[in-house]
Amino acid sequence: YQGGRIWWTSATGAAAMTSFVLTKYAEFGGPDVLGFPTGARLEGLSDGGWVQRFQKGAIVDSASTSTTCVWGYRWTMWTASGRETGPLKWPVALVENLPGGAWIQRFQKGATVSGPTTGRAIVHNYAWAAWVALGREGGVLGLPRGDRQVVARGYTQAFERGGLWGLTDKPAWGVWGPVLDAWLAAGGPTGSYGVPVAHVEESGGSATGRFVGGAIPVCPTPGT
């Protein structure tokens, strides 16, 4: 047709795609990546967005983002979290391959992430902002080991080399290394020090963690 194509398979039935979506479908890998379309484009979503579903994912767009696709595990994770109405909102980039076999796909409010030894996880909102500020996967925390967990009065998210903690609807702060060991030995967030109020500060081999109940300074062992 002049404005697009109707695609049919015995597994998916008939589905119409506009010329624009057809172009993006080919650009994003076509049937090899997304499979075949499973229905017409769904319009009128949040932020003027739309979604066209395929067997393995979707092509999506909104007024605040550019056209991209979400497929495979990332589609499953985004859908399970509420898709565009969930904590991640709309995707802002295609999946990016990271060193060591890891990957990340960024969204307006966070990302879906996976590593070969850490599994798949969603990082969003304050935890996402803190992880980015600390260098993301190349920083002190490394990759996430799971989704954010709600705990008494707040939340936490575990990473390869530490974790993030925050009070409900408040910024997250990173704790790692010897400070993390000392803090957990003292009871962690439910102990006398309570939750962190800043990221661990490191200088000249020493480190200091600042918490609601006080500071934990850690100095290098003499002779090391």
N, C-alpha and C. Protein backbone atom coordinates (compact mmCIF):
# COMPACT_ATOMS: atom_id res chain seq x y z
N TYR A 1 0.84 -1.19 0.00
CA TYR A 1 0.00 0.00 0.00
C TYR A 1 0.88 1.25 0.00
N GLN A 2 0.30 2.38 -0.43
CA GLN A 2 1.08 3.61 -0.47
C GLN A 2 1.61 4.02 0.90
N GLY A 3 0.79 3.81 1.93
CA GLY A 3 1.18 4.28 3.26
C GLY A 3 1.79 3.22 4.15
N GLY A 4 2.00 2.01 3.64
CA GLY A 4 2.56 0.98 4.49
C GLY A 4 2.31 -0.41 3.95
N ARG A 5 2.14 -1.37 4.86
CA ARG A 5 1.98 -2.76 4.46
C ARG A 5 1.16 -3.50 5.49
N ILE A 6 0.37 -4.45 5.03
CA ILE A 6 -0.31 -5.38 5.94
C ILE A 6 0.49 -6.67 5.93
N TRP A 7 0.93 -7.07 7.12
CA TRP A 7 1.79 -8.25 7.26
C TRP A 7 0.97 -9.39 7.86
N TRP A 8 1.07 -10.57 7.28
CA TRP A 8 0.31 -11.72 7.78
C TRP A 8 1.21 -12.93 7.93
N THR A 9 1.06 -13.63 9.05
CA THR A 9 1.64 -14.96 9.20
C THR A 9 0.59 -15.83 9.89
N SER A 10 0.74 -17.14 9.75
CA SER A 10 -0.23 -18.04 10.38
C SER A 10 -0.17 -17.97 11.90
N ALA A 11 0.99 -17.57 12.41
CA ALA A 11 1.16 -17.50 13.87
C ALA A 11 0.63 -16.21 14.47
N THR A 12 0.68 -15.11 13.70
CA THR A 12 0.33 -13.80 14.27
C THR A 12 -0.91 -13.18 13.67
N GLY A 13 -1.39 -13.70 12.54
CA GLY A 13 -2.51 -13.07 11.87
C GLY A 13 -2.07 -11.84 11.09
N ALA A 14 -3.03 -11.00 10.74
CA ALA A 14 -2.74 -9.80 9.94
C ALA A 14 -2.50 -8.60 10.85
N ALA A 15 -1.52 -7.77 10.48
CA ALA A 15 -1.22 -6.54 11.22
C ALA A 15 -0.71 -5.50 10.25
N ALA A 16 -1.21 -4.28 10.39
CA ALA A 16 -0.80 -3.20 9.51
C ALA A 16 0.38 -2.44 10.10
N MET A 17 1.32 -2.05 9.23
CA MET A 17 2.43 -1.20 9.63
C MET A 17 2.54 -0.04 8.65
N THR A 18 2.66 1.17 9.17
CA THR A 18 2.85 2.33 8.32
C THR A 18 4.24 2.28 7.68
N SER A 19 4.46 3.11 6.69
CA SER A 19 5.77 3.16 6.05
C SER A 19 6.85 3.54 7.03
N PHE A 20 6.52 4.46 7.94
CA PHE A 20 7.51 4.87 8.94
C PHE A 20 7.91 3.71 9.83
N VAL A 21 6.93 2.97 10.33
CA VAL A 21 7.22 1.83 11.21
C VAL A 21 7.97 0.75 10.42
N LEU A 22 7.61 0.54 9.16
CA LEU A 22 8.33 -0.43 8.33
C LEU A 22 9.81 -0.08 8.21
N THR A 23 10.09 1.22 8.04
CA THR A 23 11.47 1.66 7.94
C THR A 23 12.22 1.39 9.23
N LYS A 24 11.59 1.70 10.35
CA LYS A 24 12.22 1.47 11.65
C LYS A 24 12.36 -0.03 11.93
N TYR A 25 11.38 -0.80 11.53
CA TYR A 25 11.41 -2.26 11.69
C TYR A 25 12.65 -2.84 11.01
N ALA A 26 12.90 -2.40 9.78
CA ALA A 26 14.09 -2.86 9.06
C ALA A 26 15.37 -2.36 9.73
N GLU A 27 15.35 -1.11 10.19
CA GLU A 27 16.52 -0.51 10.85
C GLU A 27 16.87 -1.25 12.14
N PHE A 28 15.87 -1.70 12.86
CA PHE A 28 16.09 -2.36 14.15
C PHE A 28 16.33 -3.87 14.05
N GLY A 29 16.35 -4.40 12.84
CA GLY A 29 16.68 -5.81 12.67
C GLY A 29 15.58 -6.68 12.13
N GLY A 30 14.36 -6.10 11.95
CA GLY A 30 13.27 -6.84 11.35
C GLY A 30 12.88 -8.11 12.09
N PRO A 31 12.44 -9.15 11.37
CA PRO A 31 11.97 -10.38 12.01
C PRO A 31 13.02 -11.08 12.86
N ASP A 32 14.30 -10.96 12.50
CA ASP A 32 15.35 -11.63 13.27
C ASP A 32 15.42 -11.13 14.70
N VAL A 33 15.16 -9.84 14.89
CA VAL A 33 15.25 -9.24 16.22
C VAL A 33 13.89 -9.18 16.90
N LEU A 34 12.88 -8.66 16.20
CA LEU A 34 11.58 -8.40 16.81
C LEU A 34 10.54 -9.48 16.54
N GLY A 35 10.79 -10.34 15.57
CA GLY A 35 9.74 -11.26 15.15
C GLY A 35 8.75 -10.54 14.26
N PHE A 36 7.55 -11.08 14.13
CA PHE A 36 6.53 -10.50 13.26
C PHE A 36 5.53 -9.66 14.07
N PRO A 37 4.89 -8.67 13.44
CA PRO A 37 3.92 -7.85 14.18
C PRO A 37 2.73 -8.67 14.65
N THR A 38 2.22 -8.32 15.82
CA THR A 38 1.11 -9.07 16.40
C THR A 38 -0.18 -8.25 16.49
N GLY A 39 -0.12 -7.00 16.04
CA GLY A 39 -1.32 -6.16 16.08
C GLY A 39 -1.02 -4.78 15.54
N ALA A 40 -2.06 -3.97 15.45
CA ALA A 40 -1.92 -2.60 14.96
C ALA A 40 -1.23 -1.73 16.00
N ARG A 41 -0.75 -0.59 15.57
CA ARG A 41 -0.09 0.35 16.47
C ARG A 41 -1.09 0.86 17.50
N LEU A 42 -0.69 0.83 18.77
CA LEU A 42 -1.53 1.31 19.87
C LEU A 42 -1.15 2.76 20.16
N GLU A 43 -2.08 3.68 19.96
CA GLU A 43 -1.80 5.10 20.11
C GLU A 43 -2.53 5.68 21.32
N GLY A 44 -2.29 6.98 21.57
CA GLY A 44 -2.97 7.67 22.66
C GLY A 44 -2.43 7.31 24.04
N LEU A 45 -1.16 6.90 24.10
CA LEU A 45 -0.57 6.53 25.39
C LEU A 45 0.02 7.77 26.08
N SER A 46 0.57 7.60 27.25
CA SER A 46 1.12 8.72 28.01
C SER A 46 2.17 9.48 27.20
N ASP A 47 2.22 10.77 27.38
CA ASP A 47 3.18 11.64 26.70
C ASP A 47 3.03 11.55 25.18
N GLY A 48 1.81 11.35 24.71
CA GLY A 48 1.57 11.27 23.28
C GLY A 48 2.24 10.08 22.61
N GLY A 49 2.47 9.02 23.36
CA GLY A 49 3.24 7.89 22.87
C GLY A 49 2.43 6.85 22.12
N TRP A 50 3.17 5.96 21.46
CA TRP A 50 2.55 4.82 20.80
C TRP A 50 3.47 3.60 20.89
N VAL A 51 2.85 2.44 20.75
CA VAL A 51 3.57 1.16 20.81
C VAL A 51 3.04 0.25 19.70
N GLN A 52 3.94 -0.33 18.94
CA GLN A 52 3.54 -1.39 18.01
C GLN A 52 4.21 -2.68 18.45
N ARG A 53 3.39 -3.67 18.78
CA ARG A 53 3.87 -4.92 19.34
C ARG A 53 4.33 -5.89 18.26
N PHE A 54 5.35 -6.66 18.61
CA PHE A 54 5.86 -7.74 17.78
C PHE A 54 6.01 -8.98 18.64
N GLN A 55 6.35 -10.09 18.04
CA GLN A 55 6.47 -11.34 18.80
C GLN A 55 7.52 -11.26 19.90
N LYS A 56 8.61 -10.52 19.68
CA LYS A 56 9.71 -10.49 20.64
C LYS A 56 9.90 -9.13 21.31
N GLY A 57 8.99 -8.18 21.07
CA GLY A 57 9.17 -6.87 21.66
C GLY A 57 8.26 -5.84 21.04
N ALA A 58 8.76 -4.60 20.91
CA ALA A 58 7.92 -3.53 20.37
C ALA A 58 8.78 -2.40 19.83
N ILE A 59 8.22 -1.65 18.89
CA ILE A 59 8.75 -0.37 18.47
C ILE A 59 7.92 0.69 19.16
N VAL A 60 8.56 1.69 19.76
CA VAL A 60 7.84 2.65 20.60
C VAL A 60 8.34 4.06 20.34
N ASP A 61 7.50 5.04 20.72
CA ASP A 61 7.87 6.44 20.59
C ASP A 61 6.97 7.26 21.51
N SER A 62 7.43 8.47 21.84
CA SER A 62 6.61 9.41 22.60
C SER A 62 7.04 10.82 22.23
N ALA A 63 6.30 11.80 22.71
CA ALA A 63 6.61 13.20 22.40
C ALA A 63 7.97 13.62 22.94
N SER A 64 8.39 13.01 24.05
CA SER A 64 9.64 13.41 24.70
C SER A 64 10.84 12.56 24.31
N THR A 65 10.60 11.51 23.52
CA THR A 65 11.69 10.60 23.15
C THR A 65 11.67 10.37 21.65
N SER A 66 12.69 9.71 21.15
CA SER A 66 12.73 9.35 19.74
C SER A 66 12.34 7.89 19.56
N THR A 67 12.04 7.50 18.34
CA THR A 67 11.59 6.14 18.06
C THR A 67 12.70 5.14 18.34
N THR A 68 12.38 4.11 19.09
CA THR A 68 13.35 3.07 19.41
C THR A 68 12.62 1.75 19.55
N CYS A 69 13.34 0.70 19.91
CA CYS A 69 12.68 -0.59 20.12
C CYS A 69 13.18 -1.22 21.41
N VAL A 70 12.31 -2.01 21.99
CA VAL A 70 12.62 -2.78 23.20
C VAL A 70 12.29 -4.23 22.88
N TRP A 71 13.24 -5.12 23.07
CA TRP A 71 13.01 -6.51 22.69
C TRP A 71 13.69 -7.47 23.65
N GLY A 72 13.27 -8.73 23.58
CA GLY A 72 13.88 -9.78 24.40
C GLY A 72 13.62 -9.58 25.89
N TYR A 73 14.64 -9.86 26.70
CA TYR A 73 14.51 -9.72 28.15
C TYR A 73 14.10 -8.32 28.55
N ARG A 74 14.58 -7.32 27.83
CA ARG A 74 14.28 -5.94 28.18
C ARG A 74 12.80 -5.63 28.03
N TRP A 75 12.18 -6.20 26.98
CA TRP A 75 10.74 -6.04 26.80
C TRP A 75 9.98 -6.71 27.93
N THR A 76 10.39 -7.91 28.29
CA THR A 76 9.74 -8.62 29.39
C THR A 76 9.84 -7.83 30.70
N MET A 77 11.02 -7.29 30.97
CA MET A 77 11.24 -6.53 32.20
C MET A 77 10.44 -5.23 32.21
N TRP A 78 10.47 -4.53 31.08
CA TRP A 78 9.75 -3.25 31.00
C TRP A 78 8.24 -3.48 31.15
N THR A 79 7.73 -4.51 30.49
CA THR A 79 6.31 -4.83 30.59
C THR A 79 5.93 -5.19 32.02
N ALA A 80 6.74 -6.03 32.67
CA ALA A 80 6.45 -6.46 34.03
C ALA A 80 6.47 -5.29 35.02
N SER A 81 7.26 -4.26 34.72
CA SER A 81 7.36 -3.11 35.62
C SER A 81 6.30 -2.05 35.37
N GLY A 82 5.45 -2.27 34.36
CA GLY A 82 4.38 -1.30 34.08
C GLY A 82 4.55 -0.54 32.79
N ARG A 83 5.54 -0.91 32.01
CA ARG A 83 5.82 -0.29 30.72
C ARG A 83 5.93 1.23 30.88
N GLU A 84 5.32 2.00 29.98
CA GLU A 84 5.52 3.45 30.01
C GLU A 84 4.86 4.13 31.21
N THR A 85 3.95 3.45 31.89
CA THR A 85 3.33 4.03 33.08
C THR A 85 4.03 3.57 34.36
N GLY A 86 5.04 2.72 34.23
CA GLY A 86 5.80 2.25 35.38
C GLY A 86 6.94 3.18 35.74
N PRO A 87 7.82 2.76 36.62
CA PRO A 87 8.89 3.64 37.10
C PRO A 87 9.94 4.02 36.06
N LEU A 88 10.08 3.23 34.99
CA LEU A 88 11.10 3.53 33.98
C LEU A 88 10.64 4.56 32.96
N LYS A 89 9.33 4.68 32.72
CA LYS A 89 8.76 5.52 31.67
C LYS A 89 9.20 5.02 30.29
N TRP A 90 9.49 5.93 29.33
CA TRP A 90 9.79 5.54 27.96
C TRP A 90 11.28 5.28 27.74
N PRO A 91 11.63 4.37 26.82
CA PRO A 91 13.05 4.15 26.50
C PRO A 91 13.62 5.34 25.75
N VAL A 92 14.90 5.62 25.99
CA VAL A 92 15.57 6.74 25.33
C VAL A 92 16.70 6.28 24.42
N ALA A 93 16.98 5.00 24.38
CA ALA A 93 18.07 4.48 23.55
C ALA A 93 17.86 3.00 23.31
N LEU A 94 18.52 2.48 22.29
CA LEU A 94 18.54 1.04 22.06
C LEU A 94 19.42 0.36 23.10
N VAL A 95 19.34 -0.95 23.18
CA VAL A 95 20.21 -1.70 24.08
C VAL A 95 21.67 -1.45 23.72
N GLU A 96 22.51 -1.28 24.75
CA GLU A 96 23.94 -1.06 24.56
C GLU A 96 24.71 -2.24 25.16
N ASN A 97 25.62 -2.81 24.41
CA ASN A 97 26.46 -3.88 24.92
C ASN A 97 27.61 -3.28 25.72
N LEU A 98 27.87 -3.86 26.89
CA LEU A 98 28.91 -3.40 27.78
C LEU A 98 30.05 -4.42 27.83
N PRO A 99 31.21 -4.04 28.35
CA PRO A 99 32.32 -5.00 28.45
C PRO A 99 31.95 -6.23 29.27
N GLY A 100 32.54 -7.36 28.90
CA GLY A 100 32.35 -8.59 29.68
C GLY A 100 31.03 -9.30 29.45
N GLY A 101 30.30 -8.93 28.40
CA GLY A 101 29.03 -9.61 28.13
C GLY A 101 27.82 -9.00 28.80
N ALA A 102 27.98 -7.84 29.44
CA ALA A 102 26.84 -7.17 30.07
C ALA A 102 26.11 -6.30 29.04
N TRP A 103 24.91 -5.84 29.41
CA TRP A 103 24.18 -4.91 28.55
C TRP A 103 23.33 -3.98 29.40
N ILE A 104 22.93 -2.86 28.78
CA ILE A 104 22.06 -1.90 29.45
C ILE A 104 21.14 -1.26 28.42
N GLN A 105 19.90 -1.02 28.80
CA GLN A 105 19.01 -0.19 27.98
C GLN A 105 18.47 0.92 28.86
N ARG A 106 18.68 2.15 28.42
CA ARG A 106 18.31 3.31 29.22
C ARG A 106 16.89 3.77 28.91
N PHE A 107 16.21 4.22 29.96
CA PHE A 107 14.86 4.77 29.88
C PHE A 107 14.86 6.16 30.50
N GLN A 108 13.73 6.85 30.45
CA GLN A 108 13.67 8.21 30.99
C GLN A 108 14.01 8.26 32.47
N LYS A 109 13.64 7.26 33.22
CA LYS A 109 13.82 7.29 34.67
C LYS A 109 14.71 6.17 35.20
N GLY A 110 15.47 5.52 34.31
CA GLY A 110 16.32 4.44 34.80
C GLY A 110 16.81 3.56 33.68
N ALA A 111 17.00 2.27 33.98
CA ALA A 111 17.53 1.35 32.98
C ALA A 111 17.24 -0.09 33.36
N THR A 112 17.21 -0.94 32.33
CA THR A 112 17.27 -2.39 32.55
C THR A 112 18.73 -2.79 32.29
N VAL A 113 19.26 -3.66 33.14
CA VAL A 113 20.68 -3.98 33.12
C VAL A 113 20.86 -5.48 33.32
N SER A 114 21.92 -6.03 32.73
CA SER A 114 22.24 -7.44 32.97
C SER A 114 23.74 -7.65 32.86
N GLY A 115 24.26 -8.53 33.70
CA GLY A 115 25.65 -8.94 33.64
C GLY A 115 25.75 -10.45 33.68
N PRO A 116 26.82 -11.03 33.17
CA PRO A 116 26.94 -12.49 33.11
C PRO A 116 26.95 -13.16 34.48
N THR A 117 27.37 -12.46 35.52
CA THR A 117 27.41 -13.05 36.86
C THR A 117 26.43 -12.41 37.83
N THR A 118 25.74 -11.36 37.39
CA THR A 118 24.86 -10.62 38.30
C THR A 118 23.38 -10.80 37.98
N GLY A 119 23.06 -11.27 36.80
CA GLY A 119 21.67 -11.42 36.42
C GLY A 119 21.06 -10.11 35.96
N ARG A 120 19.76 -10.14 35.72
CA ARG A 120 19.06 -8.98 35.20
C ARG A 120 18.43 -8.16 36.32
N ALA A 121 18.42 -6.83 36.15
CA ALA A 121 17.86 -5.96 37.19
C ALA A 121 17.38 -4.66 36.57
N ILE A 122 16.48 -3.99 37.27
CA ILE A 122 16.03 -2.64 36.93
C ILE A 122 16.59 -1.68 37.97
N VAL A 123 17.17 -0.59 37.51
CA VAL A 123 17.63 0.48 38.39
C VAL A 123 16.85 1.72 38.00
N HIS A 124 16.19 2.35 38.96
CA HIS A 124 15.35 3.49 38.58
C HIS A 124 15.31 4.56 39.67
N ASN A 125 14.80 5.71 39.26
CA ASN A 125 14.55 6.84 40.14
C ASN A 125 15.82 7.25 40.90
N TYR A 126 15.74 7.40 42.23
CA TYR A 126 16.89 7.87 43.01
C TYR A 126 18.06 6.90 42.94
N ALA A 127 17.77 5.61 42.88
CA ALA A 127 18.86 4.64 42.78
C ALA A 127 19.61 4.80 41.46
N TRP A 128 18.89 5.07 40.39
CA TRP A 128 19.50 5.30 39.08
C TRP A 128 20.38 6.56 39.13
N ALA A 129 19.86 7.63 39.71
CA ALA A 129 20.63 8.87 39.79
C ALA A 129 21.92 8.67 40.58
N ALA A 130 21.84 7.92 41.67
CA ALA A 130 23.03 7.67 42.49
C ALA A 130 24.03 6.79 41.75
N TRP A 131 23.53 5.75 41.09
CA TRP A 131 24.43 4.84 40.37
C TRP A 131 25.16 5.57 39.25
N VAL A 132 24.44 6.42 38.53
CA VAL A 132 25.06 7.22 37.47
C VAL A 132 26.12 8.15 38.06
N ALA A 133 25.79 8.81 39.18
CA ALA A 133 26.73 9.73 39.81
C ALA A 133 28.00 9.02 40.27
N LEU A 134 27.90 7.74 40.60
CA LEU A 134 29.05 6.97 41.08
C LEU A 134 29.78 6.21 39.97
N GLY A 135 29.43 6.50 38.72
CA GLY A 135 30.15 5.90 37.60
C GLY A 135 29.49 4.71 36.95
N ARG A 136 28.24 4.45 37.34
CA ARG A 136 27.49 3.34 36.75
C ARG A 136 28.28 2.03 36.85
N GLU A 137 28.24 1.18 35.83
CA GLU A 137 28.89 -0.14 35.91
C GLU A 137 30.41 -0.05 35.99
N GLY A 138 30.98 1.07 35.56
CA GLY A 138 32.43 1.25 35.62
C GLY A 138 32.90 1.92 36.89
N GLY A 139 31.98 2.20 37.81
CA GLY A 139 32.32 2.88 39.05
C GLY A 139 32.55 1.94 40.22
N VAL A 140 32.48 2.50 41.40
CA VAL A 140 32.82 1.76 42.62
C VAL A 140 31.85 0.62 42.93
N LEU A 141 30.60 0.72 42.48
CA LEU A 141 29.60 -0.28 42.83
C LEU A 141 29.54 -1.45 41.86
N GLY A 142 29.91 -1.23 40.60
CA GLY A 142 29.78 -2.27 39.60
C GLY A 142 28.34 -2.44 39.17
N LEU A 143 27.97 -3.63 38.73
CA LEU A 143 26.64 -3.91 38.22
C LEU A 143 25.66 -4.27 39.34
N PRO A 144 24.37 -4.01 39.14
CA PRO A 144 23.37 -4.39 40.16
C PRO A 144 23.21 -5.90 40.25
N ARG A 145 22.93 -6.38 41.46
CA ARG A 145 22.71 -7.81 41.68
C ARG A 145 21.23 -8.17 41.76
N GLY A 146 20.38 -7.18 41.69
CA GLY A 146 18.94 -7.44 41.76
C GLY A 146 18.19 -6.13 41.75
N ASP A 147 16.88 -6.21 41.73
CA ASP A 147 16.05 -5.01 41.74
C ASP A 147 16.08 -4.33 43.11
N ARG A 148 15.60 -3.12 43.14
CA ARG A 148 15.48 -2.38 44.38
C ARG A 148 14.52 -3.10 45.33
N GLN A 149 14.88 -3.18 46.60
CA GLN A 149 14.06 -3.83 47.61
C GLN A 149 13.53 -2.80 48.60
N VAL A 150 12.24 -2.88 48.89
CA VAL A 150 11.64 -1.99 49.89
C VAL A 150 11.90 -2.57 51.28
N VAL A 151 12.41 -1.74 52.17
CA VAL A 151 12.67 -2.14 53.56
C VAL A 151 11.99 -1.13 54.48
N ALA A 152 12.09 -1.35 55.78
CA ALA A 152 11.47 -0.45 56.75
C ALA A 152 11.95 0.98 56.53
N ARG A 153 11.05 1.88 56.28
CA ARG A 153 11.28 3.32 56.12
C ARG A 153 12.03 3.69 54.84
N GLY A 154 12.29 2.71 53.98
CA GLY A 154 13.04 3.10 52.79
C GLY A 154 13.24 1.97 51.79
N TYR A 155 14.42 1.94 51.17
CA TYR A 155 14.71 0.97 50.12
C TYR A 155 16.22 0.75 50.04
N THR A 156 16.59 -0.36 49.41
CA THR A 156 18.01 -0.67 49.19
C THR A 156 18.15 -1.41 47.87
N GLN A 157 19.32 -1.32 47.27
CA GLN A 157 19.61 -2.09 46.06
C GLN A 157 21.05 -2.57 46.14
N ALA A 158 21.24 -3.88 45.94
CA ALA A 158 22.57 -4.48 46.05
C ALA A 158 23.30 -4.44 44.71
N PHE A 159 24.62 -4.21 44.78
CA PHE A 159 25.49 -4.19 43.61
C PHE A 159 26.68 -5.11 43.85
N GLU A 160 27.50 -5.29 42.84
CA GLU A 160 28.64 -6.20 42.94
C GLU A 160 29.55 -5.86 44.10
N ARG A 161 29.81 -4.59 44.32
CA ARG A 161 30.82 -4.19 45.32
C ARG A 161 30.27 -3.27 46.39
N GLY A 162 28.97 -3.32 46.62
CA GLY A 162 28.39 -2.47 47.65
C GLY A 162 26.90 -2.37 47.48
N GLY A 163 26.33 -1.25 47.88
CA GLY A 163 24.89 -1.09 47.76
C GLY A 163 24.46 0.35 47.89
N LEU A 164 23.19 0.58 47.58
CA LEU A 164 22.56 1.88 47.74
C LEU A 164 21.46 1.77 48.77
N TRP A 165 21.33 2.79 49.59
CA TRP A 165 20.26 2.85 50.59
C TRP A 165 19.64 4.24 50.58
N GLY A 166 18.34 4.31 50.83
CA GLY A 166 17.67 5.60 50.92
C GLY A 166 16.37 5.48 51.68
N LEU A 167 15.94 6.59 52.25
CA LEU A 167 14.63 6.64 52.88
C LEU A 167 13.56 6.78 51.80
N THR A 168 12.33 6.44 52.11
CA THR A 168 11.24 6.51 51.14
C THR A 168 11.15 7.90 50.52
N ASP A 169 11.15 7.94 49.18
CA ASP A 169 11.04 9.19 48.41
C ASP A 169 12.18 10.16 48.68
N LYS A 170 13.33 9.62 49.08
CA LYS A 170 14.52 10.45 49.32
C LYS A 170 15.69 9.89 48.50
N PRO A 171 16.73 10.71 48.26
CA PRO A 171 17.88 10.24 47.48
C PRO A 171 18.55 9.00 48.05
N ALA A 172 19.18 8.24 47.18
CA ALA A 172 19.93 7.05 47.58
C ALA A 172 21.40 7.40 47.73
N TRP A 173 22.06 6.70 48.67
CA TRP A 173 23.48 6.94 48.92
C TRP A 173 24.24 5.61 48.89
N GLY A 174 25.45 5.65 48.33
CA GLY A 174 26.23 4.45 48.17
C GLY A 174 27.17 4.18 49.33
N VAL A 175 27.23 2.91 49.72
CA VAL A 175 28.17 2.46 50.77
C VAL A 175 28.90 1.24 50.22
N TRP A 176 30.22 1.22 50.35
CA TRP A 176 31.02 0.13 49.80
C TRP A 176 32.34 -0.01 50.56
N GLY A 177 33.07 -1.05 50.24
CA GLY A 177 34.41 -1.26 50.80
C GLY A 177 34.42 -1.47 52.30
N PRO A 178 35.53 -1.10 52.96
CA PRO A 178 35.66 -1.28 54.41
C PRO A 178 34.57 -0.56 55.21
N VAL A 179 34.10 0.57 54.70
CA VAL A 179 33.02 1.28 55.39
C VAL A 179 31.76 0.41 55.42
N LEU A 180 31.46 -0.24 54.31
CA LEU A 180 30.30 -1.13 54.27
C LEU A 180 30.47 -2.27 55.26
N ASP A 181 31.65 -2.86 55.31
CA ASP A 181 31.90 -3.96 56.25
C ASP A 181 31.68 -3.51 57.69
N ALA A 182 32.22 -2.34 58.04
CA ALA A 182 32.09 -1.83 59.40
C ALA A 182 30.65 -1.48 59.74
N TRP A 183 29.97 -0.89 58.78
CA TRP A 183 28.57 -0.49 58.99
C TRP A 183 27.67 -1.71 59.19
N LEU A 184 27.84 -2.72 58.34
CA LEU A 184 27.04 -3.93 58.49
C LEU A 184 27.34 -4.65 59.80
N ALA A 185 28.60 -4.63 60.21
CA ALA A 185 28.98 -5.25 61.49
C ALA A 185 28.31 -4.54 62.66
N ALA A 186 28.00 -3.25 62.47
CA ALA A 186 27.34 -2.46 63.53
C ALA A 186 25.83 -2.51 63.42
N GLY A 187 25.31 -3.33 62.51
CA GLY A 187 23.86 -3.48 62.40
C GLY A 187 23.26 -2.90 61.15
N GLY A 188 24.08 -2.28 60.29
CA GLY A 188 23.57 -1.72 59.04
C GLY A 188 22.51 -0.66 59.28
N PRO A 189 21.51 -0.58 58.41
CA PRO A 189 20.51 0.48 58.53
C PRO A 189 19.63 0.40 59.77
N THR A 190 19.56 -0.78 60.39
CA THR A 190 18.75 -0.91 61.61
C THR A 190 19.61 -0.81 62.87
N GLY A 191 20.92 -0.58 62.70
CA GLY A 191 21.81 -0.43 63.84
C GLY A 191 21.89 1.00 64.33
N SER A 192 22.85 1.27 65.16
CA SER A 192 22.96 2.58 65.79
C SER A 192 23.30 3.70 64.82
N TYR A 193 23.92 3.36 63.69
CA TYR A 193 24.27 4.40 62.72
C TYR A 193 23.12 4.76 61.79
N GLY A 194 22.17 3.85 61.61
CA GLY A 194 21.05 4.13 60.73
C GLY A 194 21.46 4.16 59.27
N VAL A 195 20.68 4.88 58.47
CA VAL A 195 20.91 4.91 57.02
C VAL A 195 21.96 5.96 56.65
N PRO A 196 22.60 5.80 55.48
CA PRO A 196 23.59 6.79 55.05
C PRO A 196 22.93 8.11 54.65
N VAL A 197 23.70 9.19 54.77
CA VAL A 197 23.23 10.52 54.36
C VAL A 197 24.12 11.10 53.27
N ALA A 198 25.10 10.33 52.82
CA ALA A 198 26.00 10.76 51.76
C ALA A 198 26.72 9.53 51.22
N HIS A 199 27.28 9.65 50.02
CA HIS A 199 28.13 8.59 49.50
C HIS A 199 29.40 8.50 50.34
N VAL A 200 29.99 7.32 50.39
CA VAL A 200 31.29 7.16 51.04
C VAL A 200 32.29 8.14 50.41
N GLU A 201 33.09 8.78 51.27
CA GLU A 201 34.12 9.71 50.79
C GLU A 201 35.49 9.04 50.95
N GLU A 202 36.27 9.03 49.89
CA GLU A 202 37.59 8.39 49.91
C GLU A 202 38.67 9.42 49.63
N SER A 203 39.77 9.33 50.39
CA SER A 203 40.88 10.26 50.20
C SER A 203 42.15 9.68 50.79
N GLY A 204 43.19 9.56 49.95
CA GLY A 204 44.49 9.11 50.44
C GLY A 204 44.49 7.75 51.10
N GLY A 205 43.66 6.86 50.64
CA GLY A 205 43.61 5.52 51.23
C GLY A 205 42.65 5.39 52.39
N SER A 206 42.14 6.51 52.89
CA SER A 206 41.14 6.48 53.97
C SER A 206 39.75 6.64 53.37
N ALA A 207 38.75 6.24 54.15
CA ALA A 207 37.36 6.37 53.70
C ALA A 207 36.48 6.71 54.88
N THR A 208 35.44 7.49 54.62
CA THR A 208 34.50 7.87 55.67
C THR A 208 33.08 7.71 55.16
N GLY A 209 32.26 7.04 55.94
CA GLY A 209 30.85 6.92 55.64
C GLY A 209 30.06 7.76 56.62
N ARG A 210 29.12 8.55 56.12
CA ARG A 210 28.32 9.42 56.99
C ARG A 210 26.89 8.90 57.04
N PHE A 211 26.42 8.75 58.26
CA PHE A 211 25.11 8.15 58.51
C PHE A 211 24.28 9.04 59.43
N VAL A 212 23.01 8.72 59.55
CA VAL A 212 22.12 9.50 60.43
C VAL A 212 22.67 9.54 61.85
N GLY A 213 23.24 8.41 62.30
CA GLY A 213 23.71 8.31 63.68
C GLY A 213 25.18 8.64 63.88
N GLY A 214 25.85 9.12 62.83
CA GLY A 214 27.27 9.47 62.99
C GLY A 214 28.10 9.01 61.81
N ALA A 215 29.40 9.15 61.95
CA ALA A 215 30.33 8.82 60.87
C ALA A 215 31.13 7.58 61.19
N ILE A 216 31.50 6.84 60.17
CA ILE A 216 32.39 5.68 60.30
C ILE A 216 33.64 5.97 59.48
N PRO A 217 34.76 6.34 60.14
CA PRO A 217 36.00 6.53 59.42
C PRO A 217 36.80 5.23 59.37
N VAL A 218 37.41 4.95 58.24
CA VAL A 218 38.23 3.76 58.08
C VAL A 218 39.58 4.21 57.52
N CYS A 219 40.66 3.92 58.25
CA CYS A 219 42.00 4.32 57.83
C CYS A 219 42.76 3.10 57.36
N PRO A 220 43.73 3.28 56.46
CA PRO A 220 44.52 2.14 56.00
C PRO A 220 45.33 1.53 57.13
N THR A 221 45.53 0.23 57.07
CA THR A 221 46.32 -0.45 58.07
C THR A 221 47.78 0.01 57.99
N PRO A 222 48.43 0.38 59.11
CA PRO A 222 49.82 0.82 59.07
C PRO A 222 50.72 -0.21 58.38
N GLY A 223 51.58 0.28 57.48
CA GLY A 223 52.49 -0.60 56.78
C GLY A 223 51.97 -1.14 55.49
N THR A 224 50.69 -0.81 55.13
CA THR A 224 50.14 -1.28 53.86
C THR A 224 50.13 -0.17 52.84
